[in-house]
N, C-alpha and C. Protein backbone atom coordinates (compact mmCIF):
# COMPACT_ATOMS: atom_id res chain seq x y z
N ASN A 1 122.48 15.28 8.35
CA ASN A 1 122.88 15.44 7.03
C ASN A 1 121.77 14.95 6.11
N SER A 2 121.63 15.30 4.65
CA SER A 2 120.39 14.64 4.31
C SER A 2 121.02 14.75 2.43
N VAL A 3 120.35 14.35 1.61
CA VAL A 3 120.06 13.57 0.25
C VAL A 3 119.67 14.06 -0.57
N SER A 4 120.44 15.15 -1.43
CA SER A 4 119.62 15.72 -2.29
C SER A 4 119.32 14.52 -3.68
N GLU A 5 118.14 15.12 -4.03
CA GLU A 5 117.97 13.99 -5.32
C GLU A 5 118.39 13.77 -6.22
N SER A 6 119.62 14.91 -6.47
CA SER A 6 119.66 14.67 -7.94
C SER A 6 121.25 14.37 -7.74
N SER A 7 121.86 14.06 -6.01
CA SER A 7 123.07 13.36 -5.86
C SER A 7 123.59 11.85 -6.78
N ASN A 8 125.11 11.63 -6.73
CA ASN A 8 126.44 11.49 -7.04
C ASN A 8 125.98 10.30 -6.82
N TYR A 9 126.36 9.26 -6.84
CA TYR A 9 127.07 8.57 -5.96
C TYR A 9 128.58 7.68 -6.20
N TYR A 10 128.99 7.18 -5.90
CA TYR A 10 130.24 6.43 -6.37
C TYR A 10 130.68 5.89 -5.57
N GLN A 11 131.43 4.68 -5.86
CA GLN A 11 132.15 3.36 -5.35
C GLN A 11 133.50 3.56 -5.52
N ILE A 12 134.03 3.72 -4.39
CA ILE A 12 135.38 3.32 -4.10
C ILE A 12 136.15 2.03 -3.66
N ASP A 13 137.56 0.72 -4.00
CA ASP A 13 137.77 -0.10 -4.17
C ASP A 13 136.23 -0.76 -3.83
N LYS A 14 134.92 -1.14 -4.56
CA LYS A 14 133.31 -1.68 -4.50
C LYS A 14 133.91 -2.01 -2.54
N THR A 15 134.23 -0.28 -1.69
CA THR A 15 133.24 -0.74 -0.15
C THR A 15 133.21 0.28 0.24
N TYR A 16 133.19 1.76 -0.48
CA TYR A 16 133.77 2.99 0.17
C TYR A 16 131.82 3.79 -0.72
N VAL A 17 130.83 4.43 -0.36
CA VAL A 17 130.23 4.34 -1.25
C VAL A 17 130.43 6.43 -0.86
N ILE A 18 130.42 7.51 -1.67
CA ILE A 18 130.96 8.26 -2.02
C ILE A 18 130.23 9.56 -2.39
N PHE A 19 129.53 10.85 -1.90
CA PHE A 19 128.66 11.90 -3.07
C PHE A 19 128.78 12.58 -1.66
N GLN A 20 127.61 13.80 -2.21
CA GLN A 20 128.40 15.07 -1.87
C GLN A 20 127.03 15.01 -0.96
N SER A 21 126.92 15.93 0.48
CA SER A 21 125.64 16.27 0.86
C SER A 21 126.02 17.77 0.74
N GLU A 22 124.49 17.82 2.40
CA GLU A 22 125.08 19.84 1.80
C GLU A 22 126.01 20.39 3.15
N LYS A 23 126.65 19.29 4.11
CA LYS A 23 128.04 20.16 4.32
C LYS A 23 128.96 19.05 4.06
N GLY A 24 129.25 18.74 2.47
CA GLY A 24 130.28 18.26 2.17
C GLY A 24 130.46 17.52 1.17
N LEU A 25 131.44 16.26 1.63
CA LEU A 25 132.01 14.89 1.10
C LEU A 25 130.63 13.82 2.00
N MET A 26 130.84 12.99 1.70
CA MET A 26 130.44 12.43 3.61
C MET A 26 130.68 10.57 2.20
N ILE A 27 131.50 10.16 3.59
CA ILE A 27 132.69 8.56 2.64
C ILE A 27 131.06 7.34 3.76
N ILE A 28 131.14 7.16 2.93
CA ILE A 28 130.05 5.66 4.15
C ILE A 28 131.33 4.22 3.38
N ASP A 29 131.37 3.56 5.15
CA ASP A 29 131.46 2.14 4.75
C ASP A 29 130.41 1.20 4.71
N GLN A 30 130.17 1.03 3.03
CA GLN A 30 128.98 -0.07 2.30
C GLN A 30 128.44 -1.26 3.71
N GLN A 31 129.33 -1.96 4.12
CA GLN A 31 129.11 -3.22 4.40
C GLN A 31 128.68 -2.29 6.35
N ARG A 32 129.61 -1.50 6.77
CA ARG A 32 128.91 -1.59 8.41
C ARG A 32 127.50 -0.37 7.55
N ALA A 33 127.65 0.23 7.15
CA ALA A 33 126.38 1.07 6.75
C ALA A 33 125.16 0.05 6.51
N HIS A 34 125.38 -1.38 6.70
CA HIS A 34 124.11 -2.20 5.30
C HIS A 34 123.78 -2.49 6.63
N GLN A 35 124.31 -3.52 7.51
CA GLN A 35 124.49 -4.18 8.88
C GLN A 35 123.81 -3.11 9.57
N LYS A 36 123.81 -1.62 9.78
CA LYS A 36 122.71 -0.87 10.31
C LYS A 36 121.61 -0.74 10.11
N VAL A 37 121.68 -1.18 9.18
CA VAL A 37 119.95 -0.47 8.13
C VAL A 37 119.59 -2.20 8.69
N LEU A 38 120.36 -2.78 8.56
CA LEU A 38 119.33 -4.75 8.64
C LEU A 38 119.02 -4.79 10.75
N TYR A 39 120.27 -4.12 10.59
CA TYR A 39 119.89 -3.84 12.67
C TYR A 39 119.05 -3.56 13.02
N GLU A 40 118.38 -2.01 13.00
CA GLU A 40 117.71 -1.58 13.00
C GLU A 40 116.82 -1.68 12.41
N THR A 41 116.05 -1.99 11.47
CA THR A 41 114.68 -2.65 10.91
C THR A 41 114.54 -4.32 12.49
N PHE A 42 115.10 -5.32 12.05
CA PHE A 42 114.96 -6.31 12.77
C PHE A 42 114.52 -5.72 14.25
N ILE A 43 115.55 -4.41 15.17
CA ILE A 43 114.89 -3.89 15.83
C ILE A 43 113.53 -3.93 15.75
N LYS A 44 112.77 -2.76 15.25
CA LYS A 44 111.76 -1.95 14.76
C LYS A 44 110.72 -3.06 14.78
N ASN A 45 110.93 -3.94 13.43
CA ASN A 45 109.85 -5.37 14.27
C ASN A 45 109.78 -6.54 14.86
N ALA A 46 111.11 -6.19 15.46
CA ALA A 46 110.15 -7.02 17.11
C ALA A 46 109.13 -5.82 18.19
N ASN A 47 109.87 -4.68 18.55
CA ASN A 47 109.41 -3.46 19.50
C ASN A 47 107.59 -3.52 19.01
N GLU A 48 107.89 -3.88 17.45
CA GLU A 48 106.20 -3.91 16.66
C GLU A 48 105.97 -5.60 16.34
N ASN A 49 105.91 -6.25 17.25
CA ASN A 49 105.46 -7.75 16.98
C ASN A 49 105.82 -8.23 16.06
N ILE A 50 106.91 -7.50 14.43
CA ILE A 50 106.25 -8.34 12.70
C ILE A 50 107.16 -9.50 13.53
N LYS A 51 106.42 -10.61 13.17
CA LYS A 51 107.43 -11.74 13.07
C LYS A 51 108.62 -12.03 12.05
N ALA A 52 109.63 -12.33 11.93
CA ALA A 52 110.36 -13.54 10.94
C ALA A 52 109.99 -13.87 10.13
N SER A 53 110.21 -13.97 9.17
CA SER A 53 109.72 -14.89 8.52
C SER A 53 111.50 -15.59 8.80
N SER A 54 111.26 -17.05 8.21
CA SER A 54 111.77 -17.92 7.96
C SER A 54 112.03 -19.37 6.94
N GLN A 55 113.66 -19.80 7.11
CA GLN A 55 113.76 -20.89 6.35
C GLN A 55 113.52 -21.85 6.70
N LYS A 56 112.78 -23.25 6.61
CA LYS A 56 113.01 -24.91 7.54
C LYS A 56 114.40 -24.94 6.66
N LEU A 57 114.54 -26.12 7.43
CA LEU A 57 116.07 -26.86 7.46
C LEU A 57 115.93 -28.20 6.78
N LEU A 58 115.72 -28.47 6.15
CA LEU A 58 116.00 -30.46 5.30
C LEU A 58 116.29 -31.23 6.04
N PHE A 59 117.34 -30.66 6.92
CA PHE A 59 117.78 -32.17 8.28
C PHE A 59 117.42 -30.60 9.68
N PRO A 60 116.79 -31.45 10.36
CA PRO A 60 116.83 -29.96 11.88
C PRO A 60 118.61 -30.73 12.47
N GLU A 61 118.80 -29.46 12.82
CA GLU A 61 120.16 -29.49 13.52
C GLU A 61 120.23 -29.85 14.84
N LYS A 62 120.94 -30.62 15.49
CA LYS A 62 120.77 -30.64 17.13
C LYS A 62 122.08 -29.79 17.78
N ILE A 63 121.32 -29.36 18.81
CA ILE A 63 122.94 -28.36 19.27
C ILE A 63 122.42 -29.35 20.93
N SER A 64 123.48 -29.85 22.08
CA SER A 64 123.40 -30.67 22.81
C SER A 64 123.67 -29.58 23.77
N LEU A 65 122.98 -29.29 25.09
CA LEU A 65 123.07 -28.11 25.71
C LEU A 65 123.05 -29.30 26.98
N SER A 66 123.31 -28.13 28.38
CA SER A 66 123.02 -29.07 29.93
C SER A 66 121.59 -28.17 29.82
N LYS A 67 121.44 -28.24 31.78
CA LYS A 67 119.89 -29.20 31.63
C LYS A 67 119.67 -27.11 31.44
N LYS A 68 120.88 -26.95 32.89
CA LYS A 68 120.47 -25.51 32.43
C LYS A 68 120.63 -24.38 31.03
N ASP A 69 121.19 -24.90 30.38
CA ASP A 69 120.75 -24.64 29.47
C ASP A 69 119.68 -24.50 28.29
N ILE A 70 119.10 -25.57 28.96
CA ILE A 70 118.10 -26.08 28.15
C ILE A 70 116.87 -25.29 28.31
N SER A 71 117.12 -24.80 29.55
CA SER A 71 116.32 -24.18 31.20
C SER A 71 116.30 -22.57 30.39
N GLU A 72 117.32 -22.53 30.28
CA GLU A 72 117.75 -21.08 30.27
C GLU A 72 116.76 -20.91 28.40
N ILE A 73 117.00 -21.67 27.24
CA ILE A 73 116.70 -21.56 26.35
C ILE A 73 115.30 -21.74 25.82
N SER A 74 114.53 -22.30 26.85
CA SER A 74 112.86 -22.83 26.93
C SER A 74 112.33 -20.81 27.04
N ASN A 75 112.85 -20.43 28.09
CA ASN A 75 112.99 -18.96 29.13
C ASN A 75 112.73 -17.51 27.64
N ILE A 76 113.25 -18.27 26.80
CA ILE A 76 113.71 -17.04 25.90
C ILE A 76 112.83 -17.90 23.74
N LYS A 77 112.17 -19.32 24.26
CA LYS A 77 111.96 -19.74 22.72
C LYS A 77 110.63 -18.07 22.12
N ASN A 78 109.92 -17.92 23.08
CA ASN A 78 109.24 -17.25 21.76
C ASN A 78 110.18 -16.15 21.68
N GLU A 79 111.09 -15.21 21.90
CA GLU A 79 111.76 -14.13 20.81
C GLU A 79 112.61 -16.12 19.61
N LEU A 80 113.15 -15.81 20.23
CA LEU A 80 113.91 -16.97 18.59
C LEU A 80 112.33 -16.83 17.86
N ASN A 81 111.15 -17.80 18.03
CA ASN A 81 110.73 -17.67 17.08
C ASN A 81 110.06 -16.30 16.47
N ASN A 82 109.75 -15.65 17.74
CA ASN A 82 110.16 -13.97 16.67
C ASN A 82 110.60 -13.78 15.71
N ILE A 83 111.77 -14.43 15.93
CA ILE A 83 113.20 -14.18 14.80
C ILE A 83 112.80 -14.76 13.75
N GLY A 84 112.80 -16.20 14.30
CA GLY A 84 112.55 -16.77 12.73
C GLY A 84 113.00 -18.12 12.99
N PHE A 85 113.44 -18.64 14.32
CA PHE A 85 113.94 -19.45 14.54
C PHE A 85 112.74 -20.96 14.98
N GLU A 86 112.55 -21.96 14.40
CA GLU A 86 111.21 -22.67 14.90
C GLU A 86 112.68 -24.08 15.63
N ILE A 87 112.91 -24.11 16.60
CA ILE A 87 113.46 -24.75 17.69
C ILE A 87 112.30 -25.56 18.42
N LYS A 88 112.49 -26.92 19.15
CA LYS A 88 112.41 -28.02 19.55
C LYS A 88 113.45 -28.50 20.72
N ILE A 89 112.74 -28.78 21.69
CA ILE A 89 113.56 -28.26 22.89
C ILE A 89 113.19 -29.73 24.00
N LYS A 90 115.01 -30.32 23.72
CA LYS A 90 114.28 -31.58 23.92
C LYS A 90 115.27 -32.19 24.99
N GLU A 91 115.03 -32.84 26.35
CA GLU A 91 115.71 -32.83 28.00
C GLU A 91 117.44 -32.43 27.48
N ASP A 92 117.77 -32.84 27.11
CA ASP A 92 120.08 -32.77 27.11
C ASP A 92 119.59 -31.51 25.73
N TYR A 93 119.18 -31.58 24.37
CA TYR A 93 119.69 -30.87 23.14
C TYR A 93 118.39 -29.55 23.37
N ILE A 94 118.67 -29.08 21.75
CA ILE A 94 117.24 -28.41 21.39
C ILE A 94 117.47 -29.34 19.86
N GLU A 95 116.57 -28.70 18.98
CA GLU A 95 116.75 -29.18 17.57
C GLU A 95 116.44 -28.05 17.16
N ILE A 96 116.43 -27.59 16.19
CA ILE A 96 116.31 -26.13 15.32
C ILE A 96 115.25 -27.10 14.12
N HIS A 97 114.90 -26.16 14.13
CA HIS A 97 114.26 -26.23 12.33
C HIS A 97 114.13 -26.31 11.35
N ALA A 98 114.50 -24.27 11.88
CA ALA A 98 113.79 -23.29 10.60
C ALA A 98 114.34 -22.49 11.61
N THR A 99 115.18 -21.43 10.45
CA THR A 99 116.25 -20.70 11.32
C THR A 99 115.70 -18.63 10.31
N PRO A 100 116.32 -18.35 11.34
CA PRO A 100 115.55 -16.72 9.61
C PRO A 100 116.60 -16.94 8.75
N LYS A 101 115.46 -16.68 7.11
CA LYS A 101 115.60 -16.38 5.82
C LYS A 101 116.87 -16.41 5.92
N GLN A 102 117.53 -16.32 5.15
CA GLN A 102 118.88 -16.58 3.86
C GLN A 102 119.82 -16.63 5.40
N CYS A 103 119.46 -17.32 6.14
CA CYS A 103 120.97 -17.81 7.05
C CYS A 103 121.45 -19.22 7.32
N GLU A 104 122.57 -19.22 7.44
CA GLU A 104 123.29 -20.30 8.21
C GLU A 104 122.97 -20.63 9.17
N ASN A 105 122.95 -22.36 9.51
CA ASN A 105 122.38 -22.61 10.25
C ASN A 105 123.59 -23.07 11.34
N ASP A 106 124.76 -23.19 10.02
CA ASP A 106 126.32 -23.07 11.38
C ASP A 106 126.36 -22.02 11.99
N ASN A 107 126.14 -21.37 12.23
CA ASN A 107 126.08 -19.73 12.49
C ASN A 107 125.96 -19.95 13.43
N PHE A 108 124.32 -20.03 14.42
CA PHE A 108 123.32 -19.92 14.86
C PHE A 108 123.84 -21.58 15.72
N GLN A 109 124.38 -22.92 15.10
CA GLN A 109 124.69 -22.84 16.33
C GLN A 109 126.00 -23.12 17.22
N ASN A 110 127.10 -21.72 16.12
CA ASN A 110 127.44 -21.27 17.34
C ASN A 110 127.26 -20.14 17.96
N LEU A 111 126.03 -19.79 18.32
CA LEU A 111 125.73 -17.84 17.96
C LEU A 111 125.29 -18.43 19.48
N PHE A 112 124.48 -19.81 19.83
CA PHE A 112 123.58 -20.17 21.51
C PHE A 112 125.27 -20.98 21.99
N HIS A 113 125.55 -21.30 21.37
CA HIS A 113 127.10 -21.92 22.72
C HIS A 113 127.47 -20.81 23.11
N GLU A 114 127.48 -19.25 21.96
CA GLU A 114 128.31 -17.98 22.33
C GLU A 114 127.70 -17.20 23.54
N ILE A 115 126.26 -17.11 23.50
CA ILE A 115 125.60 -17.26 24.36
C ILE A 115 125.83 -17.19 25.64
N LEU A 116 125.37 -18.45 25.57
CA LEU A 116 125.03 -19.54 27.29
C LEU A 116 126.43 -19.45 27.27
N GLN A 117 127.43 -19.71 27.08
CA GLN A 117 128.95 -19.79 27.37
C GLN A 117 128.90 -18.54 28.10
N GLU A 118 128.43 -18.00 28.01
CA GLU A 118 128.92 -16.58 28.78
C GLU A 118 128.44 -16.64 30.76
N GLN A 119 128.75 -15.42 31.19
CA GLN A 119 128.70 -15.84 32.04
C GLN A 119 126.99 -15.53 32.41
N GLU A 120 126.15 -15.30 33.92
CA GLU A 120 124.98 -16.23 34.03
C GLU A 120 123.97 -15.01 33.92
N PHE A 121 122.97 -14.97 33.06
CA PHE A 121 121.66 -13.33 33.91
C PHE A 121 121.14 -13.53 33.91
N GLU A 122 120.66 -13.00 34.66
CA GLU A 122 118.83 -13.00 34.97
C GLU A 122 117.90 -13.37 33.30
N ASP A 123 116.49 -13.74 33.44
CA ASP A 123 116.33 -14.06 32.35
C ASP A 123 116.52 -13.43 31.45
N SER A 124 115.67 -12.03 32.09
CA SER A 124 115.21 -10.65 30.80
C SER A 124 116.98 -9.56 30.13
N ASN A 125 117.63 -10.04 31.51
CA ASN A 125 118.98 -9.98 30.79
C ASN A 125 119.65 -10.71 29.20
N LEU A 126 118.94 -11.81 29.53
CA LEU A 126 119.43 -13.53 28.96
C LEU A 126 119.17 -13.26 27.37
N LYS A 127 117.49 -12.16 27.29
CA LYS A 127 116.54 -12.83 26.98
C LYS A 127 116.88 -10.54 25.64
N GLU A 128 117.72 -9.93 26.25
CA GLU A 128 118.36 -9.10 25.72
C GLU A 128 119.30 -9.09 24.68
N LYS A 129 120.24 -10.08 25.65
CA LYS A 129 121.61 -10.37 25.20
C LYS A 129 121.65 -10.94 24.09
N PHE A 130 120.84 -12.49 23.67
CA PHE A 130 120.66 -13.37 23.03
C PHE A 130 120.22 -12.18 21.62
N ILE A 131 119.21 -11.70 21.86
CA ILE A 131 118.05 -10.95 21.37
C ILE A 131 119.66 -10.25 20.17
N SER A 132 119.97 -8.91 20.67
CA SER A 132 120.66 -7.69 20.39
C SER A 132 121.40 -9.74 20.04
N LYS A 133 122.33 -9.80 20.54
CA LYS A 133 124.47 -10.76 19.99
C LYS A 133 122.98 -11.85 18.59
N THR A 134 121.68 -11.87 18.56
CA THR A 134 121.35 -12.11 17.74
C THR A 134 121.43 -11.37 16.43
N TYR A 135 120.62 -10.20 16.99
CA TYR A 135 120.40 -9.40 15.44
C TYR A 135 121.51 -8.69 14.78
N LYS A 136 122.95 -8.47 15.57
CA LYS A 136 124.44 -8.46 15.58
C LYS A 136 124.79 -9.46 14.70
N SER A 137 125.00 -10.40 15.09
CA SER A 137 125.08 -11.93 13.77
C SER A 137 123.78 -11.97 12.07
N LEU A 138 122.58 -11.73 12.89
CA LEU A 138 121.52 -11.68 11.35
C LEU A 138 122.89 -10.52 10.64
N SER A 139 121.93 -9.01 11.33
CA SER A 139 122.94 -7.57 10.19
C SER A 139 123.95 -8.12 9.68
N ASN A 140 124.94 -8.88 10.26
CA ASN A 140 127.12 -8.91 9.78
C ASN A 140 126.51 -10.56 8.23
N SER A 141 125.33 -11.41 8.96
CA SER A 141 125.61 -12.17 7.64
C SER A 141 125.19 -12.19 6.67
N LEU A 142 123.76 -11.68 6.28
CA LEU A 142 122.79 -10.70 5.26
C LEU A 142 123.50 -9.42 4.99
N SER A 143 124.07 -8.82 5.64
CA SER A 143 124.31 -7.00 4.75
C SER A 143 125.73 -6.97 3.47
N ILE A 144 125.88 -5.91 2.89
CA ILE A 144 126.40 -6.29 1.71
C ILE A 144 127.70 -5.82 1.95
N LYS A 145 128.19 -6.57 1.89
CA LYS A 145 129.84 -6.76 1.50
C LYS A 145 130.47 -6.31 1.65
N SER A 146 131.75 -5.73 1.69
CA SER A 146 132.98 -5.28 1.20
C SER A 146 133.37 -5.64 0.32
N GLY A 147 133.76 -5.25 -0.95
CA GLY A 147 133.63 -6.31 -2.56
C GLY A 147 132.81 -5.74 -3.73
N LYS A 148 131.19 -5.96 -3.27
CA LYS A 148 130.30 -6.11 -4.01
C LYS A 148 130.64 -4.41 -4.38
N LYS A 149 129.90 -4.74 -6.10
CA LYS A 149 129.67 -3.80 -6.52
C LYS A 149 128.75 -3.20 -6.79
N LEU A 150 128.42 -2.26 -6.51
CA LEU A 150 126.61 -2.05 -6.40
C LEU A 150 125.99 -0.74 -6.88
N THR A 151 125.05 -1.06 -8.00
CA THR A 151 124.39 -0.44 -8.85
C THR A 151 124.52 1.94 -8.05
N GLN A 152 123.82 2.17 -8.49
CA GLN A 152 123.43 3.39 -8.68
C GLN A 152 121.99 3.40 -7.35
N GLU A 153 121.09 3.25 -8.24
CA GLU A 153 120.34 2.60 -6.87
C GLU A 153 121.01 2.38 -6.12
N GLU A 154 121.42 1.13 -5.51
CA GLU A 154 121.32 0.75 -4.95
C GLU A 154 122.25 1.56 -3.73
N MET A 155 123.09 1.79 -4.29
CA MET A 155 124.17 2.92 -3.11
C MET A 155 123.08 4.12 -2.38
N LYS A 156 122.21 4.05 -3.51
CA LYS A 156 120.88 5.79 -2.91
C LYS A 156 119.84 5.17 -1.58
N SER A 157 120.04 3.85 -2.01
CA SER A 157 119.13 3.24 -1.43
C SER A 157 120.11 3.02 -0.28
N LEU A 158 121.19 2.35 -0.01
CA LEU A 158 121.49 2.27 1.04
C LEU A 158 122.01 3.72 1.92
N VAL A 159 122.58 4.88 1.30
CA VAL A 159 122.47 5.82 1.22
C VAL A 159 120.85 6.66 2.85
N THR A 160 120.33 6.40 1.36
CA THR A 160 119.12 6.89 2.34
C THR A 160 118.28 6.03 3.67
N GLU A 161 118.69 4.65 3.42
CA GLU A 161 118.19 3.81 4.43
C GLU A 161 118.68 4.63 5.67
N LEU A 162 120.20 4.54 5.50
CA LEU A 162 121.26 4.46 6.68
C LEU A 162 121.05 5.68 7.14
N LEU A 163 121.04 6.80 6.49
CA LEU A 163 120.20 8.72 6.97
C LEU A 163 118.81 8.43 7.78
N LYS A 164 118.00 7.08 8.07
CA LYS A 164 116.47 6.85 8.53
C LYS A 164 116.71 6.60 9.89
N CYS A 165 118.65 5.86 10.19
CA CYS A 165 118.15 5.12 11.58
C CYS A 165 118.72 5.93 12.10
N GLU A 166 118.77 5.42 13.80
CA GLU A 166 118.22 6.05 15.12
C GLU A 166 119.59 6.61 14.90
N ILE A 167 120.61 6.49 15.28
CA ILE A 167 121.98 6.49 15.16
C ILE A 167 122.63 6.15 13.95
N PRO A 168 122.17 6.86 13.11
CA PRO A 168 123.60 6.53 11.69
C PRO A 168 124.72 6.17 11.55
N SER A 169 125.41 6.73 12.17
CA SER A 169 127.39 7.10 12.51
C SER A 169 127.98 5.83 13.02
N MET A 170 126.95 5.44 14.06
CA MET A 170 127.66 3.77 14.10
C MET A 170 126.89 2.46 13.89
N SER A 171 127.27 1.72 13.55
CA SER A 171 127.53 0.70 13.03
C SER A 171 126.99 -0.30 14.93
N PRO A 172 126.20 -2.36 14.30
CA PRO A 172 125.38 -1.96 15.72
C PRO A 172 127.03 -3.04 16.76
N TYR A 173 128.49 -3.04 15.88
CA TYR A 173 129.38 -3.26 16.60
C TYR A 173 130.12 -2.50 17.13
N GLY A 174 129.79 -1.03 16.54
CA GLY A 174 130.27 0.57 17.89
C GLY A 174 130.84 1.13 17.02
N LEU A 175 131.37 0.05 15.69
CA LEU A 175 132.08 1.12 14.49
C LEU A 175 131.06 2.18 13.49
N ASN A 176 132.61 3.56 13.72
CA ASN A 176 132.38 4.10 11.81
C ASN A 176 131.79 4.18 11.62
N THR A 177 129.85 4.07 10.35
CA THR A 177 129.41 4.21 9.55
C THR A 177 129.91 5.02 8.61
N TYR A 178 130.18 6.22 8.98
CA TYR A 178 129.77 7.27 8.05
C TYR A 178 131.42 8.17 8.06
N PHE A 179 132.07 9.32 7.78
CA PHE A 179 132.60 9.70 7.90
C PHE A 179 132.19 11.00 7.14
N ASN A 180 132.43 12.60 7.49
CA ASN A 180 131.69 13.77 6.53
C ASN A 180 133.35 14.53 6.43
N ILE A 181 133.68 14.88 5.10
CA ILE A 181 134.58 15.83 5.09
C ILE A 181 133.59 17.08 4.47
N LYS A 182 133.84 18.22 5.10
CA LYS A 182 133.76 18.93 5.49
C LYS A 182 133.90 20.44 3.98
N ILE A 183 133.02 20.95 3.10
CA ILE A 183 133.68 22.22 2.52
C ILE A 183 134.74 22.77 2.50
N GLN A 184 134.62 23.00 3.97
CA GLN A 184 135.52 24.28 4.43
C GLN A 184 137.15 23.99 4.63
N ASP A 185 136.62 22.03 5.30
CA ASP A 185 138.16 21.35 5.62
C ASP A 185 138.49 21.83 4.26
N LEU A 186 137.85 21.26 2.81
CA LEU A 186 138.11 20.49 1.87
C LEU A 186 138.99 22.31 0.81
N ASN A 187 138.12 23.26 1.74
CA ASN A 187 138.89 24.85 0.88
C ASN A 187 140.24 25.11 1.64
N LYS A 188 140.39 24.59 3.69
CA LYS A 188 141.75 24.82 3.94
C LYS A 188 142.78 24.30 2.97
N LYS A 189 142.60 22.95 2.60
CA LYS A 189 143.02 21.44 1.73
C LYS A 189 143.79 23.08 -0.06
N PHE A 190 143.38 23.06 -0.48
CA PHE A 190 143.22 23.12 -1.27
C PHE A 190 143.66 24.97 -1.44
N ASN A 191 143.95 25.35 -0.03
CA ASN A 191 144.45 26.88 0.50
C ASN A 191 143.41 28.12 -0.95
N LYS A 192 142.22 27.79 -0.24
CA LYS A 192 140.39 28.66 -0.57
C LYS A 192 140.68 29.44 0.29
N CYS A 193 140.41 29.69 1.90
CA CYS A 193 139.88 30.31 2.14
C CYS A 193 139.51 31.90 2.04
């Protein structure tokens, strides 16, 4: 799918972005599309060792953990730093001093518990699981939500960035980000075959 420079973009129900592509009519879920764009940006930055910016918390957030969980967090401390966390590891808890920019720390307390409460993983698998889950959570919390009115420029930018993604049709959660209605299908609907 490609976007022509002269494409007009329309928003339906402040949820879907619609425009004409070379193959027909493309309908995009704005929230899922933005999640995908953000997720792939996080992955790309990690692969290129670009450290994400973070925001300091006014008061450190303490998360009590078992000694085993503390050990597992210690093994992924570098990855946590790279995505914007600043943590200090204590004997039976961790202190979060900074979180990835524009994120609410409440979500990350739950995130740490969710990942660590799952079945045991080897260190490399735990790192991959943590990173993937964190990036999904970040992309979800930072994405444009359904119900937000977008400008022409925002819609165009979203579509352009989505179509640059490796697999633009799927959100980080495996849901469709868009679908096409082919010109031939439109013609059939109007008996113009």
